[in-house]
Amino acid sequence: MLLILGMKLATTCKAQIKILDQAEKEFKDVLFLSFEQTKDKEIAKQLGIDYWTTIVVYKNNKEVQRSIGQMDKAKIYELIKS
């Protein structure tokens, strides 16, 4: 599962969204969830997410990777594959 925290108007988030939209089509076995920190503050608080451009990867209900501000497609794909 891939959890994405962002804000649709933020430049970094916009870049991530384009990459992640493409990734969602390519990684059929990955569940992609996203939310906006400004609207869903409780979710961000529970997960300890302080920054809008955070990507969190979970496997078997455990966090295995976390990235903040990453906009490089290859690196984001590496996160997903990890």
C-alpha atoms as a PDB file:
ATOM      1  CA  MET A   1       0.000   0.000   0.000  1.00  0.00           C
ATOM      2  CA  LEU A   2       1.221   3.459  -0.829  1.00  0.00           C
ATOM      3  CA  LEU A   3      -0.053   6.413   1.173  1.00  0.00           C
ATOM      4  CA  ILE A   4       0.387   9.883  -0.263  1.00  0.00           C
ATOM      5  CA  LEU A   5      -0.062  13.079   1.681  1.00  0.00           C
ATOM      6  CA  GLY A   6      -0.259  16.265  -0.289  1.00  0.00           C
ATOM      7  CA  MET A   7      -2.008  19.431  -1.211  1.00  0.00           C
ATOM      8  CA  LYS A   8      -3.216  19.673  -4.801  1.00  0.00           C
ATOM      9  CA  LEU A   9      -2.120  23.299  -5.156  1.00  0.00           C
ATOM     10  CA  ALA A  10       1.479  22.807  -4.005  1.00  0.00           C
ATOM     11  CA  THR A  11       4.052  22.663  -6.824  1.00  0.00           C
ATOM     12  CA  THR A  12       5.886  19.632  -5.437  1.00  0.00           C
ATOM     13  CA  CYS A  13       2.624  17.786  -4.848  1.00  0.00           C
ATOM     14  CA  LYS A  14       1.485  18.484  -8.407  1.00  0.00           C
ATOM     15  CA  ALA A  15       4.695  16.937  -9.741  1.00  0.00           C
ATOM     16  CA  GLN A  16       4.286  13.907  -7.466  1.00  0.00           C
ATOM     17  CA  ILE A  17       0.652  13.452  -8.460  1.00  0.00           C
ATOM     18  CA  LYS A  18       1.576  13.186 -12.160  1.00  0.00           C
ATOM     19  CA  ILE A  19       4.171  10.513 -11.394  1.00  0.00           C
ATOM     20  CA  LEU A  20       1.933   8.633  -8.966  1.00  0.00           C
ATOM     21  CA  ASP A  21      -1.042   8.681 -11.344  1.00  0.00           C
ATOM     22  CA  GLN A  22       1.163   6.956 -13.903  1.00  0.00           C
ATOM     23  CA  ALA A  23       2.549   4.553 -11.282  1.00  0.00           C
ATOM     24  CA  GLU A  24      -0.957   3.575 -10.213  1.00  0.00           C
ATOM     25  CA  LYS A  25      -1.620   2.358 -13.771  1.00  0.00           C
ATOM     26  CA  GLU A  26       1.636   0.390 -13.845  1.00  0.00           C
ATOM     27  CA  PHE A  27       1.616  -1.136 -10.349  1.00  0.00           C
ATOM     28  CA  LYS A  28      -1.713  -2.982 -10.358  1.00  0.00           C
ATOM     29  CA  ASP A  29      -0.937  -4.873  -7.146  1.00  0.00           C
ATOM     30  CA  VAL A  30      -0.350  -1.702  -5.091  1.00  0.00           C
ATOM     31  CA  LEU A  31      -3.156   0.123  -3.322  1.00  0.00           C
ATOM     32  CA  PHE A  32      -2.708   3.892  -3.699  1.00  0.00           C
ATOM     33  CA  LEU A  33      -4.392   6.121  -1.105  1.00  0.00           C
ATOM     34  CA  SER A  34      -4.070   9.868  -0.863  1.00  0.00           C
ATOM     35  CA  PHE A  35      -5.331  12.692   1.283  1.00  0.00           C
ATOM     36  CA  GLU A  36      -4.744  16.380   1.852  1.00  0.00           C
ATOM     37  CA  GLN A  37      -3.102  17.366   5.100  1.00  0.00           C
ATOM     38  CA  THR A  38      -5.086  20.600   5.369  1.00  0.00           C
ATOM     39  CA  LYS A  39      -8.398  18.726   5.109  1.00  0.00           C
ATOM     40  CA  ASP A  40      -7.488  15.503   6.917  1.00  0.00           C
ATOM     41  CA  LYS A  41      -5.376  16.754   9.814  1.00  0.00           C
ATOM     42  CA  GLU A  42      -6.309  13.836  12.075  1.00  0.00           C
ATOM     43  CA  ILE A  43      -4.924  11.262   9.624  1.00  0.00           C
ATOM     44  CA  ALA A  44      -1.668  13.220   9.335  1.00  0.00           C
ATOM     45  CA  LYS A  45      -1.411  13.455  13.107  1.00  0.00           C
ATOM     46  CA  GLN A  46      -2.032   9.734  13.648  1.00  0.00           C
ATOM     47  CA  LEU A  47       0.645   8.839  11.080  1.00  0.00           C
ATOM     48  CA  GLY A  48       3.168  11.431  12.268  1.00  0.00           C
ATOM     49  CA  ILE A  49       3.186  13.227   8.928  1.00  0.00           C
ATOM     50  CA  ASP A  50       4.221  16.864   9.163  1.00  0.00           C
ATOM     51  CA  TYR A  51       4.898  17.741   5.518  1.00  0.00           C
ATOM     52  CA  TRP A  52       2.567  17.984   2.530  1.00  0.00           C
ATOM     53  CA  THR A  53       4.792  16.114   0.124  1.00  0.00           C
ATOM     54  CA  THR A  54       5.109  12.860   2.050  1.00  0.00           C
ATOM     55  CA  ILE A  55       4.917   9.397   0.501  1.00  0.00           C
ATOM     56  CA  VAL A  56       4.653   6.442   2.877  1.00  0.00           C
ATOM     57  CA  VAL A  57       4.946   2.815   1.770  1.00  0.00           C
ATOM     58  CA  TYR A  58       3.425   0.017   3.838  1.00  0.00           C
ATOM     59  CA  LYS A  59       3.869  -3.740   3.483  1.00  0.00           C
ATOM     60  CA  ASN A  60       2.065  -6.222   5.692  1.00  0.00           C
ATOM     61  CA  ASN A  61       0.589  -3.321   7.697  1.00  0.00           C
ATOM     62  CA  LYS A  62       4.055  -1.955   8.560  1.00  0.00           C
ATOM     63  CA  GLU A  63       5.718   1.187   7.299  1.00  0.00           C
ATOM     64  CA  VAL A  64       8.761   0.247   5.225  1.00  0.00           C
ATOM     65  CA  GLN A  65       9.631   3.533   3.494  1.00  0.00           C
ATOM     66  CA  ARG A  66       8.935   7.231   3.901  1.00  0.00           C
ATOM     67  CA  SER A  67       9.941  10.017   1.545  1.00  0.00           C
ATOM     68  CA  ILE A  68       9.440  13.769   1.784  1.00  0.00           C
ATOM     69  CA  GLY A  69       9.526  16.066  -1.242  1.00  0.00           C
ATOM     70  CA  GLN A  70      10.666  13.452  -3.735  1.00  0.00           C
ATOM     71  CA  MET A  71       9.894  14.423  -7.338  1.00  0.00           C
ATOM     72  CA  ASP A  72      12.243  12.079  -9.211  1.00  0.00           C
ATOM     73  CA  LYS A  73      10.220   9.407 -11.005  1.00  0.00           C
ATOM     74  CA  ALA A  74      12.916   6.721 -10.733  1.00  0.00           C
ATOM     75  CA  LYS A  75      13.273   7.263  -6.985  1.00  0.00           C
ATOM     76  CA  ILE A  76       9.519   7.214  -6.414  1.00  0.00           C
ATOM     77  CA  TYR A  77       9.282   3.972  -8.379  1.00  0.00           C
ATOM     78  CA  GLU A  78      12.084   2.542  -6.225  1.00  0.00           C
ATOM     79  CA  LEU A  79      10.019   3.380  -3.136  1.00  0.00           C
ATOM     80  CA  ILE A  80       7.013   1.590  -4.579  1.00  0.00           C
ATOM     81  CA  LYS A  81       9.064  -1.491  -5.457  1.00  0.00           C
ATOM     82  CA  SER A  82      10.743  -1.688  -2.041  1.00  0.00           C
END
